[in-house]
């Protein structure tokens, strides 16, 4: 009997212990389920807020997007995407410090993201902080050696610094990785600054082969032909540009300049007027049209256009010099010298010559 009792107690105690363990494990299981449900709710809430923020951003409701994204980072403080979108909102609102703070947070939580590194590098490039820009560009070059655009960006810094040798070296690296039309356009511009016009012309032609729908490339090649004095070819390529985009004020203005240089004032006037039909405040065309009227001795129209031009752009040096010439023509030396003095203060050497010769 005692033996049976002992056995019974043994099974009873074992059973009780098992039940306690089961209850304990069941409790842990329920806790984990509750936590999972809570996490799922947070995740769903986060996704909803983030998607709303994207919609607000796309529709231009930037402040609303920021409020939603602030809630997102409270729900998930490690969300690189949220910080990145915040940075885009602040950039568009011109809050550059907040932009930089948030894009760097995004990079902290996603340190190998090429887009984030590129954004930071190009921001520093835009504010002329070249050392910081190159620091981030070098990270890209080291970790993404086949990313051609980074060498293009480095070349843009070199060009700003007038270091054309380094610019050429970097743009050639970009082209060796990938042949993009805008790489050749940039190299053409470098060759042009080095007065290597044949190579510049060759690269502009490559641009057109790679992308024959860009008015920029037709404008650039036309401009180069104008510079080297082949005016018929210049007009031909401006015509191509205008055919592609009949609302391109620059093409009309620039073709008008070629007509003006050729002495074809009537066609020059037509082009400048067409440019102003597209944009009535386009100061280049206003100044150029005033030259046409001045050459025809229509002085009242000349001064009307120059006054409007300078009213829109008070620091337009060429217009100031031209208005000074107009005033000298009508024998108002005081006003002529005032305009030339302003132009001289803005850095014009030609205006200084006028002052030295005609102002006392």
Protein backbone atom coordinates (compact mmCIF):
# COMPACT_ATOMS: atom_id res chain seq x y z
CA UNK A 1 0.00 0.00 0.00
CA UNK A 2 2.77 2.36 0.92
CA UNK A 3 4.41 1.63 -2.39
CA UNK A 4 1.23 2.44 -4.28
CA UNK A 5 0.84 5.63 -2.33
CA UNK A 6 4.37 6.69 -3.13
CA UNK A 7 3.79 5.96 -6.78
CA UNK A 8 0.52 7.91 -6.71
CA UNK A 9 2.18 10.87 -5.02
CA UNK A 10 4.97 10.74 -7.53
CA UNK A 11 2.54 10.91 -10.46
CA UNK A 12 0.48 13.56 -8.71
CA UNK A 13 3.48 15.76 -8.07
CA UNK A 14 4.81 15.21 -11.59
CA UNK A 15 1.44 16.06 -13.02
CA UNK A 16 1.21 19.25 -10.93
CA UNK A 17 4.71 20.29 -12.00
CA UNK A 18 3.85 19.65 -15.63
CA UNK A 19 0.68 21.74 -15.32
CA UNK A 20 2.60 24.62 -13.78
CA UNK A 21 5.18 24.50 -16.58
CA UNK A 22 2.41 24.34 -19.14
CA UNK A 23 0.64 27.34 -17.61
CA UNK A 24 3.94 29.24 -17.46
CA UNK A 25 4.80 28.44 -21.10
CA UNK A 26 1.29 29.25 -22.20
CA UNK A 27 1.58 32.64 -20.51
CA UNK A 28 4.84 33.36 -22.38
CA UNK A 29 3.20 32.28 -25.61
CA UNK A 30 0.28 34.66 -25.04
CA UNK A 31 2.71 37.50 -24.25
CA UNK A 32 4.61 36.84 -27.46
CA UNK A 33 1.35 36.81 -29.44
CA UNK A 34 0.32 40.11 -27.86
CA UNK A 35 3.69 41.62 -28.69
CA UNK A 36 3.44 40.32 -32.24
CA UNK A 37 -0.04 41.82 -32.61
CA UNK A 38 1.25 45.11 -31.22
CA UNK A 39 4.20 45.07 -33.64
CA UNK A 40 1.89 44.24 -36.52
CA UNK A 41 -0.39 47.14 -35.57
CA UNK A 42 2.62 49.49 -35.42
CA UNK A 43 3.84 48.21 -38.76
CA UNK A 44 0.45 48.73 -40.40
CA UNK A 45 0.15 52.20 -38.84
CA UNK A 46 3.68 53.05 -39.99
CA UNK A 47 2.99 51.90 -43.56
CA UNK A 48 -0.25 53.89 -43.70
CA UNK A 49 1.45 57.06 -42.43
CA UNK A 50 4.39 56.61 -44.80
CA UNK A 51 2.15 56.08 -47.83
CA UNK A 52 0.12 59.16 -46.87
CA UNK A 53 3.37 61.11 -46.59
CA UNK A 54 4.42 60.02 -50.10
CA UNK A 55 1.06 61.16 -51.49
CA UNK A 56 1.37 64.51 -49.71
CA UNK A 57 4.91 64.96 -51.01
CA UNK A 58 3.88 64.19 -54.59
CA UNK A 59 0.98 66.65 -54.40
CA UNK A 60 3.22 69.40 -53.01
CA UNK A 61 1.77 69.39 -49.49
CA UNK A 62 5.22 69.39 -47.94
CA UNK A 63 4.33 70.55 -44.41
CA UNK A 64 1.69 67.84 -44.14
CA UNK A 65 4.21 65.28 -45.39
CA UNK A 66 6.66 66.40 -42.70
CA UNK A 67 4.05 65.95 -39.94
CA UNK A 68 3.27 62.43 -41.18
CA UNK A 69 6.96 61.52 -41.47
CA UNK A 70 7.63 62.78 -37.94
CA UNK A 71 5.01 60.27 -36.79
CA UNK A 72 6.72 57.60 -38.89
CA UNK A 73 10.07 58.07 -37.18
CA UNK A 74 8.37 57.93 -33.79
CA UNK A 75 6.98 54.53 -34.77
CA UNK A 76 10.32 53.43 -36.26
CA UNK A 77 13.32 55.54 -35.40
CA UNK A 78 15.56 53.46 -37.71
CA UNK A 79 13.57 54.04 -40.92
CA UNK A 80 16.09 55.34 -43.46
CA UNK A 81 13.32 55.86 -46.03
CA UNK A 82 11.44 58.18 -43.67
CA UNK A 83 14.50 60.32 -43.00
CA UNK A 84 15.28 60.43 -46.72
CA UNK A 85 11.78 61.63 -47.62
CA UNK A 86 11.98 64.18 -44.81
CA UNK A 87 15.21 65.46 -46.31
CA UNK A 88 13.50 65.86 -49.70
CA UNK A 89 10.66 67.86 -48.12
CA UNK A 90 13.05 70.18 -46.30
CA UNK A 91 15.16 70.64 -49.43
CA UNK A 92 12.12 71.71 -51.45
CA UNK A 93 11.19 74.13 -48.67
CA UNK A 94 14.76 75.52 -48.82
CA UNK A 95 15.56 74.45 -45.25
CA UNK A 96 19.04 73.22 -46.10
CA UNK A 97 20.23 72.52 -42.53
CA UNK A 98 17.22 70.26 -41.88
CA UNK A 99 17.79 68.64 -45.28
CA UNK A 100 21.38 67.78 -44.42
CA UNK A 101 20.50 66.57 -40.91
CA UNK A 102 17.87 64.13 -42.20
CA UNK A 103 19.78 62.84 -45.23
CA UNK A 104 22.73 62.06 -42.95
CA UNK A 105 20.38 60.20 -40.59
CA UNK A 106 19.12 58.18 -43.55
CA UNK A 107 22.72 57.34 -44.45
CA UNK A 108 23.46 56.36 -40.84
CA UNK A 109 20.76 53.67 -40.96
CA UNK A 110 21.60 52.61 -44.53
CA UNK A 111 25.30 53.32 -44.88
CA UNK A 112 25.80 51.73 -48.32
CA UNK A 113 22.93 53.50 -50.07
CA UNK A 114 24.34 55.04 -53.23
CA UNK A 115 21.45 57.49 -53.59
CA UNK A 116 21.96 58.97 -50.11
CA UNK A 117 25.73 59.37 -50.60
CA UNK A 118 25.13 60.98 -54.01
CA UNK A 119 22.56 63.42 -52.59
CA UNK A 120 24.93 64.58 -49.85
CA UNK A 121 27.88 64.92 -52.22
CA UNK A 122 25.88 66.92 -54.75
CA UNK A 123 24.44 69.14 -52.04
CA UNK A 124 27.97 70.05 -50.93
CA UNK A 125 28.90 70.61 -54.59
CA UNK A 126 25.96 73.00 -55.00
CA UNK A 127 27.14 75.14 -52.08
CA UNK A 128 30.76 75.08 -53.30
CA UNK A 129 31.99 73.01 -50.36
CA UNK A 130 34.25 71.07 -52.68
CA UNK A 131 36.27 69.23 -50.03
CA UNK A 132 33.13 67.72 -48.49
CA UNK A 133 31.67 66.97 -51.92
CA UNK A 134 34.81 65.14 -53.01
CA UNK A 135 34.88 63.23 -49.70
CA UNK A 136 31.49 61.67 -50.51
CA UNK A 137 32.28 61.27 -54.22
CA UNK A 138 35.48 59.41 -53.30
CA UNK A 139 33.42 57.03 -51.16
CA UNK A 140 31.29 56.29 -54.22
CA UNK A 141 34.31 55.88 -56.51
CA UNK A 142 35.87 53.43 -54.05
CA UNK A 143 32.76 51.35 -53.38
CA UNK A 144 30.96 51.70 -56.72
CA UNK A 145 33.82 51.98 -59.25
CA UNK A 146 31.52 51.47 -62.25
CA UNK A 147 29.18 54.32 -61.29
CA UNK A 148 30.15 56.71 -64.09
CA UNK A 149 28.24 59.79 -62.90
CA UNK A 150 30.52 60.29 -59.92
CA UNK A 151 33.42 61.15 -62.23
CA UNK A 152 31.11 63.49 -64.15
CA UNK A 153 30.26 65.27 -60.88
CA UNK A 154 33.93 65.52 -59.96
CA UNK A 155 34.62 67.05 -63.38
CA UNK A 156 31.97 69.72 -62.71
CA UNK A 157 33.86 70.73 -59.56
CA UNK A 158 37.10 70.91 -61.58
CA UNK A 159 35.42 73.13 -64.19
CA UNK A 160 34.16 75.52 -61.48
CA UNK A 161 37.74 75.75 -60.25
CA UNK A 162 38.96 76.28 -63.84
CA UNK A 163 41.10 73.15 -63.46
CA UNK A 164 40.41 71.92 -66.99
CA UNK A 165 43.15 69.30 -67.00
CA UNK A 166 41.63 67.47 -64.00
CA UNK A 167 38.14 68.02 -65.44
CA UNK A 168 39.20 66.29 -68.65
CA UNK A 169 40.75 63.44 -66.70
CA UNK A 170 37.55 62.84 -64.71
CA UNK A 171 35.15 63.16 -67.65
CA UNK A 172 37.29 60.70 -69.63
CA UNK A 173 36.97 58.23 -66.74
CA UNK A 174 33.20 58.65 -66.89
CA UNK A 175 33.15 58.11 -70.68
CA UNK A 176 35.37 55.03 -70.40
CA UNK A 177 32.80 53.47 -68.08
CA UNK A 178 29.70 54.55 -69.99
CA UNK A 179 29.07 56.68 -73.08
CA UNK A 180 26.32 59.12 -72.12
CA UNK A 181 25.36 62.11 -74.24
CA UNK A 182 25.77 64.64 -71.44
CA UNK A 183 29.28 63.34 -70.71
CA UNK A 184 30.32 64.19 -74.27
CA UNK A 185 28.56 67.56 -73.98
CA UNK A 186 30.59 68.37 -70.88
CA UNK A 187 33.83 67.26 -72.53
CA UNK A 188 32.99 69.37 -75.59
CA UNK A 189 32.62 72.35 -73.26
CA UNK A 190 36.02 71.64 -71.69
CA UNK A 191 37.67 71.42 -75.11
CA UNK A 192 35.94 74.67 -76.05
CA UNK A 193 37.38 76.43 -72.99
CA UNK A 194 40.81 75.08 -73.99
CA UNK A 195 40.15 76.50 -77.52
CA UNK A 196 40.41 73.02 -79.00
CA UNK A 197 37.47 73.66 -81.33
CA UNK A 198 37.88 70.59 -83.55
CA UNK A 199 37.59 68.19 -80.62
CA UNK A 200 34.75 70.24 -79.18
CA UNK A 201 32.87 70.07 -82.49
CA UNK A 202 33.46 66.32 -82.72
CA UNK A 203 32.02 65.74 -79.23
CA UNK A 204 28.96 67.90 -79.91
CA UNK A 205 28.29 65.79 -83.01
CA UNK A 206 28.51 62.64 -80.86
CA UNK A 207 25.94 64.19 -78.49
CA UNK A 208 23.53 64.64 -81.40
CA UNK A 209 24.09 61.03 -82.55
CA UNK A 210 23.34 59.75 -79.05
CA UNK A 211 20.37 62.06 -78.50
CA UNK A 212 18.98 63.91 -81.52
CA UNK A 213 15.97 65.25 -79.62
CA UNK A 214 17.83 67.63 -77.32
CA UNK A 215 17.70 71.29 -78.35
CA UNK A 216 20.64 71.94 -76.01
CA UNK A 217 23.09 70.02 -78.22
CA UNK A 218 21.91 71.70 -81.44
CA UNK A 219 22.21 75.07 -79.67
CA UNK A 220 25.72 74.27 -78.47
CA UNK A 221 27.01 73.17 -81.85
CA UNK A 222 25.37 76.21 -83.49
CA UNK A 223 26.98 78.47 -80.90
CA UNK A 224 30.40 76.94 -81.58
CA UNK A 225 30.02 77.47 -85.33
CA UNK A 226 29.09 81.10 -84.60
CA UNK A 227 32.19 81.49 -82.44
CA UNK A 228 34.54 80.18 -85.13
CA UNK A 229 32.80 82.30 -87.78
CA UNK A 230 30.99 79.64 -89.83
CA UNK A 231 27.66 81.45 -89.73
CA UNK A 232 25.75 79.41 -92.32
CA UNK A 233 26.36 76.22 -90.31
CA UNK A 234 25.40 78.09 -87.15
CA UNK A 235 22.02 79.08 -88.64
CA UNK A 236 21.52 75.50 -89.93
CA UNK A 237 21.82 74.04 -86.42
CA UNK A 238 19.70 76.78 -84.82
CA UNK A 239 17.05 75.89 -87.40
CA UNK A 240 17.28 72.26 -86.25
CA UNK A 241 16.84 73.34 -82.65
CA UNK A 242 13.80 75.50 -83.47
CA UNK A 243 12.25 72.66 -85.47
CA UNK A 244 12.49 70.49 -82.34
CA UNK A 245 11.07 73.18 -80.03
CA UNK A 246 9.22 76.14 -81.48
CA UNK A 247 8.92 77.67 -77.99
CA UNK A 248 12.66 77.75 -77.37
CA UNK A 249 13.37 81.44 -76.68
CA UNK A 250 17.14 80.84 -76.54
CA UNK A 251 17.28 79.36 -80.05
CA UNK A 252 15.35 82.29 -81.55
CA UNK A 253 17.50 84.81 -79.70
CA UNK A 254 20.75 83.14 -80.68
CA UNK A 255 19.75 82.73 -84.33
CA UNK A 256 18.81 86.41 -84.27
CA UNK A 257 22.33 87.22 -83.07
CA UNK A 258 23.78 85.37 -86.10
CA UNK A 259 21.47 87.31 -88.45
CA UNK A 260 22.52 90.53 -86.70
CA UNK A 261 26.19 89.64 -87.11
CA UNK A 262 25.50 88.94 -90.80
CA UNK A 263 23.92 92.39 -91.14
CA UNK A 264 20.46 90.90 -91.73
CA UNK A 265 18.61 93.22 -89.35
CA UNK A 266 15.10 92.38 -90.56
CA UNK A 267 15.46 88.65 -89.82
CA UNK A 268 17.28 89.46 -86.59
CA UNK A 269 14.32 91.62 -85.47
CA UNK A 270 11.88 88.83 -86.30
CA UNK A 271 13.79 86.34 -84.17
CA UNK A 272 14.20 88.68 -81.19
CA UNK A 273 10.51 89.56 -81.33
CA UNK A 274 9.60 85.87 -81.50
CA UNK A 275 11.80 85.23 -78.47
CA UNK A 276 9.97 88.01 -76.61
CA UNK A 277 6.58 86.60 -77.62
CA UNK A 278 7.62 83.46 -75.75
CA UNK A 279 8.96 85.43 -72.76
CA UNK A 280 8.36 89.17 -72.63
CA UNK A 281 10.87 89.61 -69.78
CA UNK A 282 13.76 87.87 -71.58
CA UNK A 283 16.51 90.44 -71.14
CA UNK A 284 18.91 89.01 -73.74
CA UNK A 285 16.31 89.48 -76.48
CA UNK A 286 15.32 92.94 -75.18
CA UNK A 287 18.93 94.10 -75.34
CA UNK A 288 19.50 92.57 -78.77
CA UNK A 289 16.31 94.04 -80.20
CA UNK A 290 17.39 97.47 -78.92
CA UNK A 291 20.59 97.10 -80.99
CA UNK A 292 18.50 96.50 -84.13
CA UNK A 293 16.51 99.68 -83.53
CA UNK A 294 19.70 101.63 -82.70
CA UNK A 295 21.30 100.48 -85.97
CA UNK A 296 18.19 101.75 -87.79
CA UNK A 297 18.49 105.05 -85.89
CA UNK A 298 15.14 104.46 -84.16
CA UNK A 299 16.32 105.96 -80.89
CA UNK A 300 13.00 106.26 -79.05
CA UNK A 301 12.41 102.51 -79.38
CA UNK A 302 16.04 101.85 -78.45
CA UNK A 303 15.84 103.59 -75.08
CA UNK A 304 12.40 102.11 -74.35
CA UNK A 305 13.77 98.57 -74.71
CA UNK A 306 16.98 99.28 -72.79
CA UNK A 307 15.08 100.85 -69.89
CA UNK A 308 12.79 97.82 -69.69
CA UNK A 309 15.75 95.46 -69.86
CA UNK A 310 17.65 97.19 -67.03
CA UNK A 311 14.49 97.51 -64.95
CA UNK A 312 14.13 93.71 -65.09
CA UNK A 313 17.86 93.01 -64.63
CA UNK A 314 19.69 96.00 -63.08
CA UNK A 315 23.08 94.23 -63.16
CA UNK A 316 22.96 93.40 -66.90
CA UNK A 317 26.37 94.84 -67.83
CA UNK A 318 25.94 94.78 -71.62
CA UNK A 319 22.63 96.62 -71.43
CA UNK A 320 24.16 99.26 -69.13
CA UNK A 321 27.02 99.80 -71.58
CA UNK A 322 24.58 100.01 -74.50
CA UNK A 323 22.34 102.50 -72.70
CA UNK A 324 25.45 104.57 -71.99
CA UNK A 325 26.23 104.55 -75.73
CA UNK A 326 22.65 105.65 -76.41
CA UNK A 327 22.96 108.53 -73.93
CA UNK A 328 26.28 109.58 -75.46
CA UNK A 329 24.60 109.56 -78.91
CA UNK A 330 21.90 111.97 -77.67
CA UNK A 331 24.62 114.04 -75.93
CA UNK A 332 23.65 113.25 -72.34
CA UNK A 333 27.19 112.60 -71.10
CA UNK A 334 26.22 112.63 -67.42
CA UNK A 335 23.77 109.73 -67.79
CA UNK A 336 26.14 107.91 -70.13
CA UNK A 337 28.92 108.06 -67.53
CA UNK A 338 26.55 106.95 -64.76
CA UNK A 339 25.68 103.79 -66.68
CA UNK A 340 29.29 103.07 -67.56
CA UNK A 341 30.31 103.59 -63.95
CA UNK A 342 27.71 101.01 -62.82
CA UNK A 343 28.94 98.58 -65.46
CA UNK A 344 32.54 99.20 -64.40
CA UNK A 345 31.68 98.51 -60.76
CA UNK A 346 30.18 95.20 -61.94
CA UNK A 347 33.56 94.29 -63.43
CA UNK A 348 33.37 95.47 -67.05
CA UNK A 349 36.77 96.42 -68.51
CA UNK A 350 35.07 97.85 -71.60
CA UNK A 351 33.06 100.25 -69.43
CA UNK A 352 36.31 101.43 -67.81
CA UNK A 353 37.68 102.25 -71.27
CA UNK A 354 34.58 104.31 -72.06
CA UNK A 355 34.97 106.16 -68.76
CA UNK A 356 38.66 106.87 -69.42
CA UNK A 357 37.95 108.13 -72.93
CA UNK A 358 34.71 110.08 -72.47
CA UNK A 359 34.11 110.87 -68.80
CA UNK A 360 35.90 113.69 -66.99
